[in-house]
Protein backbone atom coordinates (compact mmCIF):
# COMPACT_ATOMS: atom_id res chain seq x y z
CA MET A 1 131.84 34.97 105.24
CA HIS A 2 128.95 36.74 103.56
CA THR A 3 127.29 35.64 100.37
CA ILE A 4 128.53 37.65 97.37
CA ARG A 5 126.55 38.12 94.18
CA SER A 6 127.79 39.62 90.95
CA ARG A 7 126.63 40.25 87.43
CA ALA A 8 128.54 41.07 84.23
CA PRO A 9 126.86 42.34 81.05
CA LEU A 10 126.94 40.54 77.72
CA ARG A 11 128.13 42.48 74.69
CA LEU A 12 127.52 43.16 71.04
CA GLY A 13 130.65 43.09 68.92
CA LEU A 14 130.12 46.09 66.65
CA GLY A 15 133.41 46.03 64.77
CA GLY A 16 136.96 44.73 64.82
CA GLY A 17 136.09 41.23 66.01
CA GLY A 18 138.93 38.84 65.24
CA THR A 19 141.63 41.53 65.36
CA ASP A 20 141.86 40.85 69.13
CA VAL A 21 142.99 37.27 68.47
CA SER A 22 146.62 36.13 68.50
CA PRO A 23 148.80 36.43 66.46
CA TYR A 24 147.09 39.31 64.62
CA SER A 25 146.58 41.39 67.76
CA GLU A 26 150.27 41.29 68.70
CA ASP A 27 151.59 41.67 65.16
CA PHE A 28 149.34 44.49 63.94
CA GLY A 29 147.46 45.84 66.96
CA GLY A 30 143.88 44.77 67.60
CA ARG A 31 141.11 47.39 67.41
CA VAL A 32 137.63 46.49 68.66
CA LEU A 33 134.41 48.46 69.08
CA SER A 34 131.79 46.92 71.38
CA VAL A 35 128.84 47.82 73.55
CA THR A 36 127.28 45.99 76.49
CA ILE A 37 123.55 45.25 76.63
CA ASP A 38 120.97 44.46 79.28
CA ARG A 39 121.61 40.72 79.37
CA TYR A 40 123.87 39.38 82.08
CA ALA A 41 125.93 36.55 83.47
CA TYR A 42 125.31 36.08 87.20
CA ALA A 43 127.38 34.45 89.92
CA THR A 44 126.72 33.84 93.61
CA VAL A 45 129.37 32.60 96.04
CA SER A 46 128.30 31.54 99.54
CA PRO A 47 129.84 29.51 102.37
CA ALA A 48 129.40 25.73 102.43
CA VAL A 49 129.82 23.26 105.28
CA SER A 50 132.47 21.30 103.41
CA GLY A 51 133.87 20.74 99.92
CA LEU A 52 132.62 22.50 96.82
CA GLU A 53 129.18 22.83 95.26
CA PHE A 54 128.65 24.15 91.74
CA HIS A 55 125.18 24.95 90.40
CA SER A 56 124.11 26.02 86.91
CA PRO A 57 120.29 25.93 86.79
CA ASP A 58 120.11 27.35 83.25
CA ARG A 59 122.03 24.28 82.07
CA GLN A 60 120.31 22.02 84.63
CA CYS A 61 123.68 21.00 86.07
CA THR A 62 124.71 20.46 89.69
CA GLY A 63 128.02 19.14 90.97
CA ARG A 64 129.51 18.41 94.39
CA ALA A 65 133.00 17.24 95.27
CA THR A 66 135.67 17.34 97.92
CA HIS A 67 138.63 19.56 97.15
CA ALA A 68 140.69 16.47 96.34
CA GLU A 69 138.07 15.38 93.83
CA LEU A 70 137.72 18.74 92.10
CA ASP A 71 138.82 17.39 88.71
CA THR A 72 135.70 15.20 88.58
CA LEU A 73 133.64 18.37 88.01
CA ARG A 74 135.63 19.62 85.01
CA ALA A 75 133.39 18.04 82.37
CA ASP A 76 130.31 20.03 83.42
CA PHE A 77 131.98 22.94 85.21
CA GLY A 78 135.29 23.59 83.48
CA LEU A 79 135.07 27.37 83.82
CA HIS A 80 134.01 27.17 87.47
CA VAL A 81 136.87 24.85 88.36
CA ALA A 82 139.41 27.06 86.59
CA VAL A 83 138.14 30.24 88.30
CA TYR A 84 138.16 28.60 91.73
CA ARG A 85 141.70 27.29 91.30
CA ARG A 86 143.10 30.58 89.99
CA MET A 87 141.49 32.69 92.72
CA ILE A 88 142.52 30.34 95.52
CA ARG A 89 146.07 30.18 94.19
CA ASP A 90 146.50 33.91 93.68
CA HIS A 91 144.44 35.34 96.52
CA ASN A 92 144.19 32.75 99.30
CA ASP A 93 147.76 31.36 99.49
CA GLY A 94 146.54 28.15 97.87
CA GLN A 95 144.38 27.30 100.89
CA ASP A 96 141.09 25.67 99.88
CA VAL A 97 137.79 27.00 101.20
CA ALA A 98 134.37 25.35 101.35
CA LEU A 99 131.92 27.22 99.15
CA ARG A 100 128.89 27.09 96.92
CA LEU A 101 129.15 28.75 93.48
CA ALA A 102 125.93 29.22 91.52
CA THR A 103 125.76 30.79 88.06
CA GLU A 104 123.24 31.68 85.39
CA VAL A 105 123.43 33.43 81.99
CA ASP A 106 120.77 35.37 80.07
CA ALA A 107 121.76 33.74 76.76
CA PRO A 108 122.30 30.21 75.47
CA PRO A 109 125.81 28.79 74.99
CA GLY A 110 127.35 29.86 71.69
CA SER A 111 125.20 32.99 71.55
CA GLY A 112 127.92 35.22 70.10
CA LEU A 113 127.28 37.70 72.93
CA GLY A 114 130.45 36.92 74.86
CA SER A 115 128.49 34.94 77.43
CA SER A 116 131.28 32.55 78.49
CA SER A 117 133.73 35.37 79.15
CA ALA A 118 131.10 37.46 80.94
CA LEU A 119 130.44 34.43 83.15
CA VAL A 120 134.14 34.12 83.97
CA VAL A 121 134.28 37.84 84.80
CA ALA A 122 131.22 37.53 87.06
CA MET A 123 132.72 34.51 88.86
CA VAL A 124 136.10 36.19 89.35
CA GLN A 125 134.39 39.29 90.76
CA ALA A 126 132.24 37.24 93.13
CA MET A 127 135.17 35.10 94.25
CA ALA A 128 137.26 38.22 94.87
CA GLY A 129 134.54 39.65 97.09
CA PHE A 130 134.14 36.36 98.93
CA LEU A 131 137.89 36.24 99.62
CA GLY A 132 138.04 39.91 100.62
CA VAL A 133 140.13 40.93 97.61
CA SER A 134 139.72 44.15 95.60
CA LEU A 135 140.71 43.92 91.94
CA GLY A 136 141.06 46.91 89.64
CA GLN A 137 139.26 46.80 86.30
CA TYR A 138 142.33 46.02 84.22
CA ASP A 139 143.52 43.35 86.69
CA LEU A 140 140.09 41.75 86.71
CA ALA A 141 139.85 41.67 82.92
CA ARG A 142 143.40 40.33 82.57
CA THR A 143 142.73 37.59 85.14
CA ALA A 144 139.56 36.51 83.33
CA TRP A 145 141.43 36.49 80.01
CA GLU A 146 144.26 34.38 81.44
CA ILE A 147 141.83 31.85 82.93
CA GLU A 148 140.22 31.23 79.53
CA ARG A 149 143.13 31.64 77.16
CA VAL A 150 146.10 30.45 79.27
CA ASP A 151 144.82 28.20 82.07
CA LEU A 152 142.20 26.46 79.91
CA GLY A 153 143.80 27.02 76.50
CA LEU A 154 140.52 28.10 74.88
CA ALA A 155 140.86 29.85 71.54
CA GLY A 156 139.69 33.43 71.42
CA GLY A 157 140.58 37.08 71.86
CA TRP A 158 140.41 39.64 74.67
CA GLN A 159 137.45 41.84 73.79
CA ASP A 160 134.81 39.84 75.68
CA GLN A 161 136.52 40.00 79.07
CA TYR A 162 137.31 43.72 78.84
CA SER A 163 133.81 44.56 77.57
CA ALA A 164 132.20 42.74 80.49
CA VAL A 165 134.42 44.48 83.04
CA PHE A 166 134.18 48.06 81.74
CA GLY A 167 130.66 48.16 80.26
CA GLY A 168 129.13 50.68 77.86
CA PHE A 169 130.49 51.73 74.45
CA ASN A 170 134.22 51.05 74.30
CA TYR A 171 136.90 51.30 71.64
CA MET A 172 139.65 48.93 72.74
CA GLU A 173 143.21 48.78 71.48
CA ASP A 174 146.18 46.46 71.85
CA ASP A 175 149.14 48.81 72.12
CA GLY A 176 151.70 46.00 72.18
CA ASP A 177 152.18 45.89 75.96
CA ARG A 178 148.62 46.01 77.25
CA ILE A 179 145.01 46.48 76.30
CA VAL A 180 143.75 50.07 76.46
CA VAL A 181 140.02 50.64 76.91
CA ASN A 182 138.67 53.96 75.63
CA PRO A 183 135.11 54.63 76.86
CA LEU A 184 133.09 56.53 74.26
CA ARG A 185 130.84 59.41 75.23
CA ILE A 186 127.89 58.98 72.89
CA ARG A 187 125.27 61.75 72.81
CA ARG A 188 121.97 60.71 74.35
CA GLU A 189 119.98 61.21 71.14
CA VAL A 190 122.44 59.03 69.21
CA HIS A 191 122.23 56.39 71.93
CA ALA A 192 118.41 56.49 71.71
CA GLU A 193 118.37 56.28 67.90
CA LEU A 194 120.66 53.25 67.98
CA GLU A 195 118.43 51.47 70.49
CA ALA A 196 115.37 52.27 68.39
CA SER A 197 117.15 50.78 65.37
CA LEU A 198 118.54 47.66 67.04
CA LEU A 199 117.11 44.14 66.83
CA LEU A 200 118.65 40.81 67.80
CA TYR A 201 117.76 37.70 65.84
CA PHE A 202 118.49 34.22 67.17
CA GLY A 203 117.94 31.39 64.73
CA GLY A 204 118.37 28.71 67.37
CA VAL A 205 121.70 27.44 66.07
CA SER A 206 124.69 28.00 68.33
CA ARG A 207 128.21 27.61 67.10
CA ASP A 208 131.59 26.58 68.49
CA SER A 209 133.43 29.90 68.48
CA ALA A 210 136.77 28.16 69.01
CA GLU A 211 136.44 26.36 65.66
CA VAL A 212 135.74 29.62 63.83
CA ILE A 213 138.56 31.47 65.59
CA GLU A 214 141.05 28.68 64.99
CA GLN A 215 140.32 28.81 61.24
CA GLN A 216 140.91 32.58 61.26
CA GLN A 217 144.17 32.07 63.16
CA ARG A 218 145.36 29.40 60.70
CA ASN A 219 144.64 31.70 57.77
CA VAL A 220 146.63 34.56 59.31
CA VAL A 221 149.52 32.35 60.43
CA ALA A 222 149.68 30.77 56.99
CA GLY A 223 150.12 34.24 55.54
CA ARG A 224 147.07 34.07 53.30
CA GLU A 225 146.91 37.55 51.79
CA ASP A 226 143.14 37.47 51.31
CA ALA A 227 142.50 36.66 54.98
CA LEU A 228 145.08 39.17 56.19
CA ASP A 229 143.77 41.96 53.97
CA ALA A 230 140.23 41.18 55.13
CA THR A 231 141.30 41.37 58.78
CA HIS A 232 142.96 44.74 58.13
CA ALA A 233 139.65 45.89 56.61
CA VAL A 234 137.73 44.68 59.68
CA ARG A 235 140.05 46.74 61.88
CA ALA A 236 139.67 49.84 59.69
CA GLU A 237 135.86 49.61 59.78
CA ALA A 238 135.95 49.46 63.60
CA GLU A 239 137.67 52.84 63.64
CA ARG A 240 135.21 54.27 61.09
CA MET A 241 132.28 53.05 63.19
CA LYS A 242 133.76 54.64 66.30
CA ASN A 243 134.18 57.99 64.53
CA ALA A 244 130.63 57.82 63.15
CA LEU A 245 129.21 57.22 66.63
CA LEU A 246 131.19 60.08 68.14
CA VAL A 247 129.81 62.59 65.63
CA GLY A 248 126.32 61.07 65.75
CA ASP A 249 126.19 59.84 62.14
CA VAL A 250 124.03 56.71 62.48
CA PRO A 251 123.73 56.09 58.69
CA ALA A 252 127.54 56.14 58.38
CA PHE A 253 127.76 53.78 61.35
CA ALA A 254 125.34 51.37 59.65
CA ALA A 255 127.22 51.56 56.35
CA SER A 256 130.50 50.77 58.09
CA LEU A 257 128.85 47.91 59.99
CA HIS A 258 127.82 46.43 56.65
CA GLU A 259 131.30 46.80 55.16
CA GLY A 260 132.82 45.27 58.28
CA TRP A 261 130.55 42.24 57.95
CA LEU A 262 131.52 41.74 54.30
CA ALA A 263 135.20 41.90 55.28
CA LYS A 264 134.68 39.60 58.27
CA LYS A 265 133.23 36.90 56.04
CA ARG A 266 136.41 36.90 53.98
CA THR A 267 138.59 36.00 56.99
CA ALA A 268 137.26 32.43 57.29
CA ALA A 269 134.85 30.33 55.22
CA ILE A 270 132.75 29.12 58.17
CA ILE A 271 131.87 32.58 59.53
CA SER A 272 128.65 32.60 57.49
CA ASN A 273 126.37 29.85 56.22
CA ALA A 274 123.15 29.38 54.27
CA ALA A 275 120.90 30.05 57.28
CA ILE A 276 122.70 33.29 58.13
CA GLU A 277 122.63 34.48 54.52
CA ARG A 278 118.93 33.64 54.26
CA ALA A 279 118.10 35.62 57.42
CA HIS A 280 120.18 38.54 56.17
CA GLU A 281 118.35 38.53 52.82
CA VAL A 282 114.88 38.36 54.41
CA ALA A 283 115.66 41.14 56.88
CA SER A 284 117.08 43.32 54.10
CA ARG A 285 113.85 43.04 52.10
CA HIS A 286 111.78 44.20 55.07
CA GLY A 287 113.68 47.17 56.46
CA MET A 288 117.11 46.12 57.68
CA ILE A 289 119.82 48.65 56.86
CA ALA A 290 122.80 46.58 58.01
CA GLY A 291 123.31 43.32 59.84
CA LYS A 292 126.04 41.02 61.07
CA VAL A 293 126.64 38.08 63.35
CA SER A 294 127.69 39.18 66.81
CA GLY A 295 130.75 37.23 67.86
CA ALA A 296 133.05 34.84 66.03
CA GLY A 297 130.44 33.78 63.47
CA GLY A 298 128.93 30.55 62.24
CA GLY A 299 125.71 31.07 64.21
CA GLY A 300 124.42 32.67 67.39
CA PHE A 301 122.76 36.07 67.50
CA MET A 302 122.58 38.38 64.52
CA MET A 303 122.62 42.09 65.26
CA LEU A 304 120.37 44.08 62.93
CA VAL A 305 120.26 47.85 62.39
CA VAL A 306 116.79 48.54 60.97
CA ASP A 307 114.55 51.42 59.99
CA PRO A 308 112.94 52.20 63.39
CA GLU A 309 109.54 52.54 61.70
CA ARG A 310 109.84 49.00 60.29
CA ARG A 311 111.04 47.14 63.38
CA LEU A 312 107.87 45.07 63.63
CA GLU A 313 107.91 44.28 59.91
CA VAL A 314 111.50 42.96 60.13
CA ALA A 315 110.75 40.90 63.24
CA ARG A 316 107.60 39.34 61.80
CA ALA A 317 109.26 38.50 58.48
CA LEU A 318 112.25 36.80 60.11
CA GLU A 319 110.13 34.75 62.49
CA ALA A 320 107.68 33.77 59.74
CA GLU A 321 110.22 32.97 57.00
CA CYS A 322 113.26 31.82 58.97
CA GLY A 323 111.95 30.73 62.37
CA GLY A 324 113.82 31.70 65.51
CA THR A 325 113.11 34.71 67.70
CA VAL A 326 113.61 38.46 67.41
CA THR A 327 114.02 40.78 70.40
CA GLY A 328 115.19 44.29 71.11
CA ALA A 329 118.10 45.23 73.34
CA HIS A 330 119.04 48.17 75.51
CA VAL A 331 122.53 49.45 76.09
CA THR A 332 123.92 49.33 79.61
CA GLN A 333 126.59 51.76 80.72
CA HIS A 334 127.76 49.67 83.68
CA GLY A 335 130.27 46.84 83.65
CA VAL A 336 130.60 44.05 86.20
CA GLU A 337 129.33 44.79 89.68
CA SER A 338 129.02 42.83 92.92
CA TRP A 339 127.28 43.18 96.26
CA SER A 340 127.11 41.44 99.64
CA VAL A 341 124.03 39.55 100.77
CA THR A 342 123.74 39.11 104.54
CA LYS A 343 121.49 36.08 104.15
CA ALA A 344 121.29 34.19 100.88
CA VAL A 345 117.85 33.54 99.43
CA ARG A 346 117.55 29.83 98.55
């Protein structure tokens, strides 16, 4: 067997985040707008002499076990174990194979960039290639979603897996029976203006997305009208943002992004905190037009839409007054991809 490498892009959640989570998605129809950026989750699968080897150099973790001892690796490699088991069960008649699976992600855990789901997508794609299986985009995204939400029981929605598989600007809908991904054709000059206006701020505090999502779920299940109305507003702003992008109205996009963030904060108390509000206030004083946390909330990366002529001013102010780091980001139009390596480079 050849060595297979893959990479899946991370994403920015522009609007509709939280409407893709059960039970809201099934009851009302989730609507999510997202875009993938030039940060990736990587996976490499190669033959091994015996047993299983998992490597995660970005987390400084290595694990080895026989197939019978696979559960001993779950603490450090829960996602890896789940992907291996699902792919062997579904695509290799349950017959174990000896392999080495190495992964790396261009963002820290809890980044709010969908990194865990992108990693699962990358691993599924690499495992499929290693086993000689071809998965369509929807099958791949569904498999990755089931591994996280069903096999592992992790709280969350479906936008991250589908974003990583399809790539680019996508408006995604739950139509009751399946997820429909609508790629958006954004004019080049609009694309360029957005990139010129985009900054990512990381304050160094990651969050447990499951805790945030579970609070949102409890609020919806409990029938809290304020949380439900806020979630409806989040969904409506996602559609407004999509329409603004399609006609090239960047100011309207930014205004809707701001309204979506205000609504998002009303869905659960722990979505924002003092550090996030402080960063938002500092950035606003120095040229930010709109800003929100990318992902579930509570920490991770903040996505900022700024006056392009004041990018450096915003970045310097945040780093000086709030700490953390500010970087730019470029949009990628490609989703997950994989390729064969005749001889692995070690």
